PDB file of all heavy atoms in Angstrom:
ATOM      1  N   ARG A   1       5.872 -15.763 134.869  1.00  0.00           N
ATOM      2  CA  ARG A   1       6.358 -16.857 135.654  1.00  0.00           C
ATOM      3  C   ARG A   1       6.940 -17.971 134.771  1.00  0.00           C
ATOM      4  O   ARG A   1       6.296 -18.424 133.804  1.00  0.00           O
ATOM      5  CB  ARG A   1       5.215 -17.433 136.490  1.00  0.00           C
ATOM      6  CG  ARG A   1       5.587 -18.666 137.340  1.00  0.00           C
ATOM      7  CD  ARG A   1       4.332 -19.059 138.145  1.00  0.00           C
ATOM      8  NE  ARG A   1       3.216 -19.382 137.300  1.00  0.00           N
ATOM      9  CZ  ARG A   1       2.972 -20.601 136.809  1.00  0.00           C
ATOM     10  NH1 ARG A   1       3.827 -21.602 137.029  1.00  0.00           N
ATOM     11  NH2 ARG A   1       1.908 -20.757 136.000  1.00  0.00           N
ATOM     12  N   PRO A   2       8.171 -18.414 134.985  1.00  0.00           N
ATOM     13  CA  PRO A   2       8.719 -19.507 134.157  1.00  0.00           C
ATOM     14  C   PRO A   2       7.944 -20.809 134.334  1.00  0.00           C
ATOM     15  O   PRO A   2       7.490 -21.095 135.522  1.00  0.00           O
ATOM     16  CB  PRO A   2      10.179 -19.622 134.668  1.00  0.00           C
ATOM     17  CG  PRO A   2      10.138 -19.098 136.027  1.00  0.00           C
ATOM     18  CD  PRO A   2       9.095 -18.009 136.057  1.00  0.00           C
ATOM     19  N   LEU A   3       7.768 -21.521 133.299  1.00  0.00           N
ATOM     20  CA  LEU A   3       7.071 -22.815 133.393  1.00  0.00           C
ATOM     21  C   LEU A   3       8.078 -23.922 133.726  1.00  0.00           C
ATOM     22  O   LEU A   3       9.245 -23.826 133.294  1.00  0.00           O
ATOM     23  CB  LEU A   3       6.423 -23.126 132.023  1.00  0.00           C
ATOM     24  CG  LEU A   3       5.358 -22.162 131.524  1.00  0.00           C
ATOM     25  CD1 LEU A   3       4.797 -22.598 130.150  1.00  0.00           C
ATOM     26  CD2 LEU A   3       4.214 -22.031 132.516  1.00  0.00           C
ATOM     27  N   VAL A   4       7.634 -24.880 134.463  1.00  0.00           N
ATOM     28  CA  VAL A   4       8.480 -26.014 134.875  1.00  0.00           C
ATOM     29  C   VAL A   4       7.745 -27.261 134.432  1.00  0.00           C
ATOM     30  O   VAL A   4       6.571 -27.487 134.804  1.00  0.00           O
ATOM     31  CB  VAL A   4       8.735 -26.031 136.387  1.00  0.00           C
ATOM     32  CG1 VAL A   4       9.583 -27.271 136.784  1.00  0.00           C
ATOM     33  CG2 VAL A   4       9.415 -24.731 136.806  1.00  0.00           C
ATOM     34  N   VAL A   5       8.396 -28.085 133.633  1.00  0.00           N
ATOM     35  CA  VAL A   5       7.788 -29.345 133.152  1.00  0.00           C
ATOM     36  C   VAL A   5       7.582 -30.296 134.342  1.00  0.00           C
ATOM     37  O   VAL A   5       8.507 -30.658 135.020  1.00  0.00           O
ATOM     38  CB  VAL A   5       8.608 -30.048 132.080  1.00  0.00           C
ATOM     39  CG1 VAL A   5       7.945 -31.291 131.595  1.00  0.00           C
ATOM     40  CG2 VAL A   5       8.850 -29.046 130.930  1.00  0.00           C
ATOM     41  N   GLY A   6       6.342 -30.697 134.569  1.00  0.00           N
ATOM     42  CA  GLY A   6       6.001 -31.565 135.653  1.00  0.00           C
ATOM     43  C   GLY A   6       4.493 -31.660 135.793  1.00  0.00           C
ATOM     44  O   GLY A   6       3.738 -31.261 134.899  1.00  0.00           O
ATOM     45  N   PRO A   7       3.990 -32.205 136.896  1.00  0.00           N
ATOM     46  CA  PRO A   7       2.576 -32.374 137.120  1.00  0.00           C
ATOM     47  C   PRO A   7       1.878 -31.010 136.997  1.00  0.00           C
ATOM     48  O   PRO A   7       2.375 -30.015 137.489  1.00  0.00           O
ATOM     49  CB  PRO A   7       2.479 -32.896 138.517  1.00  0.00           C
ATOM     50  CG  PRO A   7       3.740 -33.649 138.728  1.00  0.00           C
ATOM     51  CD  PRO A   7       4.765 -32.859 137.978  1.00  0.00           C
ATOM     52  N   GLY A   8       0.704 -30.985 136.285  1.00  0.00           N
ATOM     53  CA  GLY A   8      -0.019 -29.772 136.094  1.00  0.00           C
ATOM     54  C   GLY A   8       0.186 -29.073 134.790  1.00  0.00           C
ATOM     55  O   GLY A   8      -0.579 -28.238 134.375  1.00  0.00           O
ATOM     56  N   LEU A   9       1.249 -29.421 134.109  1.00  0.00           N
ATOM     57  CA  LEU A   9       1.548 -28.828 132.793  1.00  0.00           C
ATOM     58  C   LEU A   9       0.866 -29.631 131.676  1.00  0.00           C
ATOM     59  O   LEU A   9       0.971 -30.865 131.698  1.00  0.00           O
ATOM     60  CB  LEU A   9       3.063 -28.815 132.541  1.00  0.00           C
ATOM     61  CG  LEU A   9       3.556 -27.740 131.484  1.00  0.00           C
ATOM     62  CD1 LEU A   9       3.437 -26.388 132.083  1.00  0.00           C
ATOM     63  CD2 LEU A   9       4.959 -28.085 131.104  1.00  0.00           C
ATOM     64  N   LYS A  10       0.149 -28.986 130.794  1.00  0.00           N
ATOM     65  CA  LYS A  10      -0.484 -29.657 129.680  1.00  0.00           C
ATOM     66  C   LYS A  10       0.539 -30.131 128.689  1.00  0.00           C
ATOM     67  O   LYS A  10       1.389 -29.394 128.240  1.00  0.00           O
ATOM     68  CB  LYS A  10      -1.452 -28.692 128.993  1.00  0.00           C
ATOM     69  CG  LYS A  10      -2.690 -28.220 129.856  1.00  0.00           C
ATOM     70  CD  LYS A  10      -3.610 -27.399 129.045  1.00  0.00           C
ATOM     71  CE  LYS A  10      -2.952 -26.133 128.503  1.00  0.00           C
ATOM     72  NZ  LYS A  10      -3.908 -25.240 127.743  1.00  0.00           N
ATOM     73  N   THR A  11       0.433 -31.438 128.363  1.00  0.00           N
ATOM     74  CA  THR A  11       1.371 -31.984 127.342  1.00  0.00           C
ATOM     75  C   THR A  11       0.679 -32.448 126.044  1.00  0.00           C
ATOM     76  O   THR A  11       1.314 -32.530 125.055  1.00  0.00           O
ATOM     77  CB  THR A  11       2.107 -33.190 127.965  1.00  0.00           C
ATOM     78  OG1 THR A  11       1.145 -34.251 128.172  1.00  0.00           O
ATOM     79  CG2 THR A  11       2.798 -32.796 129.261  1.00  0.00           C
ATOM     80  N   GLY A  12      -0.573 -32.756 126.149  1.00  0.00           N
ATOM     81  CA  GLY A  12      -1.292 -33.263 124.960  1.00  0.00           C
ATOM     82  C   GLY A  12      -0.922 -34.723 124.703  1.00  0.00           C
ATOM     83  O   GLY A  12      -1.362 -35.272 123.647  1.00  0.00           O
ATOM     84  N   VAL A  13      -0.205 -35.395 125.606  1.00  0.00           N
ATOM     85  CA  VAL A  13       0.246 -36.781 125.398  1.00  0.00           C
ATOM     86  C   VAL A  13      -0.433 -37.684 126.376  1.00  0.00           C
ATOM     87  O   VAL A  13      -0.446 -37.444 127.575  1.00  0.00           O
ATOM     88  CB  VAL A  13       1.768 -36.877 125.585  1.00  0.00           C
ATOM     89  CG1 VAL A  13       2.190 -38.352 125.385  1.00  0.00           C
ATOM     90  CG2 VAL A  13       2.518 -35.980 124.598  1.00  0.00           C
ATOM     91  N   GLN A  14      -1.058 -38.760 125.881  1.00  0.00           N
ATOM     92  CA  GLN A  14      -1.632 -39.736 126.763  1.00  0.00           C
ATOM     93  C   GLN A  14      -0.502 -40.584 127.342  1.00  0.00           C
ATOM     94  O   GLN A  14       0.346 -41.120 126.593  1.00  0.00           O
ATOM     95  CB  GLN A  14      -2.619 -40.637 125.997  1.00  0.00           C
ATOM     96  CG  GLN A  14      -3.315 -41.680 126.883  1.00  0.00           C
ATOM     97  CD  GLN A  14      -4.304 -42.542 126.121  1.00  0.00           C
ATOM     98  OE1 GLN A  14      -4.478 -42.352 124.923  1.00  0.00           O
ATOM     99  NE2 GLN A  14      -4.998 -43.393 126.806  1.00  0.00           N
ATOM    100  N   MET A  15      -0.461 -40.715 128.611  1.00  0.00           N
ATOM    101  CA  MET A  15       0.629 -41.423 129.301  1.00  0.00           C
ATOM    102  C   MET A  15       0.162 -42.816 129.735  1.00  0.00           C
ATOM    103  O   MET A  15      -0.672 -42.971 130.618  1.00  0.00           O
ATOM    104  CB  MET A  15       1.088 -40.628 130.525  1.00  0.00           C
ATOM    105  CG  MET A  15       1.467 -39.175 130.253  1.00  0.00           C
ATOM    106  SD  MET A  15       2.946 -39.039 129.209  1.00  0.00           S
ATOM    107  CE  MET A  15       4.176 -39.481 130.456  1.00  0.00           C
ATOM    108  N   ARG A  16       0.758 -43.799 129.138  1.00  0.00           N
ATOM    109  CA  ARG A  16       0.457 -45.226 129.530  1.00  0.00           C
ATOM    110  C   ARG A  16       1.594 -45.670 130.482  1.00  0.00           C
ATOM    111  O   ARG A  16       2.283 -46.638 130.224  1.00  0.00           O
ATOM    112  CB  ARG A  16       0.404 -46.120 128.302  1.00  0.00           C
ATOM    113  CG  ARG A  16      -0.633 -45.672 127.294  1.00  0.00           C
ATOM    114  CD  ARG A  16      -0.786 -46.709 126.219  1.00  0.00           C
ATOM    115  NE  ARG A  16      -1.655 -46.284 125.154  1.00  0.00           N
ATOM    116  CZ  ARG A  16      -2.986 -46.294 125.188  1.00  0.00           C
ATOM    117  NH1 ARG A  16      -3.580 -46.768 126.294  1.00  0.00           N
ATOM    118  NH2 ARG A  16      -3.729 -45.845 124.186  1.00  0.00           N
ATOM    119  N   TYR A  17       1.674 -44.953 131.606  1.00  0.00           N
ATOM    120  CA  TYR A  17       2.715 -45.217 132.574  1.00  0.00           C
ATOM    121  C   TYR A  17       2.046 -45.449 133.913  1.00  0.00           C
ATOM    122  O   TYR A  17       1.030 -44.756 134.225  1.00  0.00           O
ATOM    123  CB  TYR A  17       3.692 -44.001 132.664  1.00  0.00           C
ATOM    124  CG  TYR A  17       5.115 -44.359 132.901  1.00  0.00           C
ATOM    125  CD1 TYR A  17       5.892 -44.921 131.888  1.00  0.00           C
ATOM    126  CD2 TYR A  17       5.781 -44.041 134.120  1.00  0.00           C
ATOM    127  CE1 TYR A  17       7.230 -45.229 132.060  1.00  0.00           C
ATOM    128  CE2 TYR A  17       7.107 -44.366 134.278  1.00  0.00           C
ATOM    129  CZ  TYR A  17       7.828 -44.900 133.293  1.00  0.00           C
ATOM    130  OH  TYR A  17       9.172 -45.177 133.451  1.00  0.00           O
ATOM    131  N   ASP A  18       2.516 -46.376 134.708  1.00  0.00           N
ATOM    132  CA  ASP A  18       1.878 -46.681 136.019  1.00  0.00           C
ATOM    133  C   ASP A  18       1.708 -45.386 136.833  1.00  0.00           C
ATOM    134  O   ASP A  18       0.665 -45.123 137.447  1.00  0.00           O
ATOM    135  CB  ASP A  18       2.678 -47.701 136.777  1.00  0.00           C
ATOM    136  CG  ASP A  18       2.645 -49.060 136.128  1.00  0.00           C
ATOM    137  OD1 ASP A  18       1.700 -49.309 135.277  1.00  0.00           O
ATOM    138  OD2 ASP A  18       3.508 -49.896 136.451  1.00  0.00           O
ATOM    139  N   ASP A  19       2.794 -44.605 136.931  1.00  0.00           N
ATOM    140  CA  ASP A  19       2.738 -43.328 137.650  1.00  0.00           C
ATOM    141  C   ASP A  19       3.364 -42.235 136.773  1.00  0.00           C
ATOM    142  O   ASP A  19       4.549 -42.101 136.679  1.00  0.00           O
ATOM    143  CB  ASP A  19       3.501 -43.431 138.973  1.00  0.00           C
ATOM    144  CG  ASP A  19       3.419 -42.163 139.812  1.00  0.00           C
ATOM    145  OD1 ASP A  19       2.861 -41.180 139.326  1.00  0.00           O
ATOM    146  OD2 ASP A  19       3.974 -42.173 140.918  1.00  0.00           O
ATOM    147  N   PRO A  20       2.531 -41.478 136.067  1.00  0.00           N
ATOM    148  CA  PRO A  20       3.065 -40.464 135.144  1.00  0.00           C
ATOM    149  C   PRO A  20       3.976 -39.450 135.783  1.00  0.00           C
ATOM    150  O   PRO A  20       4.887 -38.894 135.134  1.00  0.00           O
ATOM    151  CB  PRO A  20       1.818 -39.772 134.595  1.00  0.00           C
ATOM    152  CG  PRO A  20       0.738 -40.818 134.697  1.00  0.00           C
ATOM    153  CD  PRO A  20       1.040 -41.573 135.934  1.00  0.00           C
ATOM    154  N   SER A  21       3.849 -39.236 137.057  1.00  0.00           N
ATOM    155  CA  SER A  21       4.692 -38.261 137.739  1.00  0.00           C
ATOM    156  C   SER A  21       6.154 -38.712 137.824  1.00  0.00           C
ATOM    157  O   SER A  21       7.048 -37.934 138.089  1.00  0.00           O
ATOM    158  CB  SER A  21       4.169 -37.974 139.179  1.00  0.00           C
ATOM    159  OG  SER A  21       4.343 -39.112 140.003  1.00  0.00           O
ATOM    160  N   GLU A  22       6.378 -40.030 137.597  1.00  0.00           N
ATOM    161  CA  GLU A  22       7.779 -40.547 137.611  1.00  0.00           C
ATOM    162  C   GLU A  22       8.495 -40.280 136.326  1.00  0.00           C
ATOM    163  O   GLU A  22       9.714 -40.385 136.286  1.00  0.00           O
ATOM    164  CB  GLU A  22       7.739 -42.090 137.844  1.00  0.00           C
ATOM    165  CG  GLU A  22       7.293 -42.528 139.196  1.00  0.00           C
ATOM    166  CD  GLU A  22       7.333 -44.032 139.312  1.00  0.00           C
ATOM    167  OE1 GLU A  22       7.616 -44.737 138.324  1.00  0.00           O
ATOM    168  OE2 GLU A  22       7.090 -44.516 140.472  1.00  0.00           O
ATOM    169  N   VAL A  23       7.826 -39.904 135.227  1.00  0.00           N
ATOM    170  CA  VAL A  23       8.484 -39.706 133.966  1.00  0.00           C
ATOM    171  C   VAL A  23       9.212 -38.366 133.986  1.00  0.00           C
ATOM    172  O   VAL A  23       8.738 -37.319 134.326  1.00  0.00           O
ATOM    173  CB  VAL A  23       7.414 -39.629 132.832  1.00  0.00           C
ATOM    174  CG1 VAL A  23       8.119 -39.429 131.495  1.00  0.00           C
ATOM    175  CG2 VAL A  23       6.587 -40.918 132.824  1.00  0.00           C
ATOM    176  N   GLY A  24      10.511 -38.457 133.684  1.00  0.00           N
ATOM    177  CA  GLY A  24      11.353 -37.296 133.677  1.00  0.00           C
ATOM    178  C   GLY A  24      10.950 -36.205 132.731  1.00  0.00           C
ATOM    179  O   GLY A  24      10.380 -36.536 131.630  1.00  0.00           O
ATOM    180  N   PRO A  25      11.070 -34.970 133.027  1.00  0.00           N
ATOM    181  CA  PRO A  25      10.652 -33.858 132.166  1.00  0.00           C
ATOM    182  C   PRO A  25      11.324 -33.866 130.822  1.00  0.00           C
ATOM    183  O   PRO A  25      10.691 -33.451 129.795  1.00  0.00           O
ATOM    184  CB  PRO A  25      10.974 -32.613 133.004  1.00  0.00           C
ATOM    185  CG  PRO A  25      12.040 -33.011 133.938  1.00  0.00           C
ATOM    186  CD  PRO A  25      11.736 -34.439 134.284  1.00  0.00           C
ATOM    187  N   ASP A  26      12.583 -34.301 130.737  1.00  0.00           N
ATOM    188  CA  ASP A  26      13.240 -34.376 129.477  1.00  0.00           C
ATOM    189  C   ASP A  26      12.627 -35.419 128.564  1.00  0.00           C
ATOM    190  O   ASP A  26      12.541 -35.260 127.344  1.00  0.00           O
ATOM    191  CB  ASP A  26      14.723 -34.620 129.676  1.00  0.00           C
ATOM    192  CG  ASP A  26      15.020 -35.870 130.491  1.00  0.00           C
ATOM    193  OD1 ASP A  26      14.178 -36.258 131.294  1.00  0.00           O
ATOM    194  OD2 ASP A  26      16.160 -36.394 130.364  1.00  0.00           O
ATOM    195  N   ARG A  27      12.180 -36.493 129.209  1.00  0.00           N
ATOM    196  CA  ARG A  27      11.539 -37.558 128.384  1.00  0.00           C
ATOM    197  C   ARG A  27      10.197 -37.066 127.811  1.00  0.00           C
ATOM    198  O   ARG A  27       9.864 -37.396 126.707  1.00  0.00           O
ATOM    199  CB  ARG A  27      11.313 -38.790 129.286  1.00  0.00           C
ATOM    200  CG  ARG A  27      12.637 -39.374 129.859  1.00  0.00           C
ATOM    201  CD  ARG A  27      12.358 -40.519 130.778  1.00  0.00           C
ATOM    202  NE  ARG A  27      11.850 -41.690 130.127  1.00  0.00           N
ATOM    203  CZ  ARG A  27      11.340 -42.724 130.782  1.00  0.00           C
ATOM    204  NH1 ARG A  27      11.184 -42.733 132.075  1.00  0.00           N
ATOM    205  NH2 ARG A  27      10.941 -43.767 130.071  1.00  0.00           N
ATOM    206  N   ILE A  28       9.474 -36.293 128.613  1.00  0.00           N
ATOM    207  CA  ILE A  28       8.203 -35.754 128.150  1.00  0.00           C
ATOM    208  C   ILE A  28       8.429 -34.782 126.922  1.00  0.00           C
ATOM    209  O   ILE A  28       7.777 -34.839 125.929  1.00  0.00           O
ATOM    210  CB  ILE A  28       7.483 -35.003 129.284  1.00  0.00           C
ATOM    211  CG1 ILE A  28       7.054 -36.000 130.356  1.00  0.00           C
ATOM    212  CG2 ILE A  28       6.314 -34.202 128.744  1.00  0.00           C
ATOM    213  CD1 ILE A  28       6.499 -35.346 131.576  1.00  0.00           C
TER     214      ILE A  28
END
């Protein structure tokens, strides 16, 4: 199954963003 960058994917990055789901996948 191809992976899609978004909620549920492990990034290892702590997100200091009000709503991390708003962060674009390219930015991640």
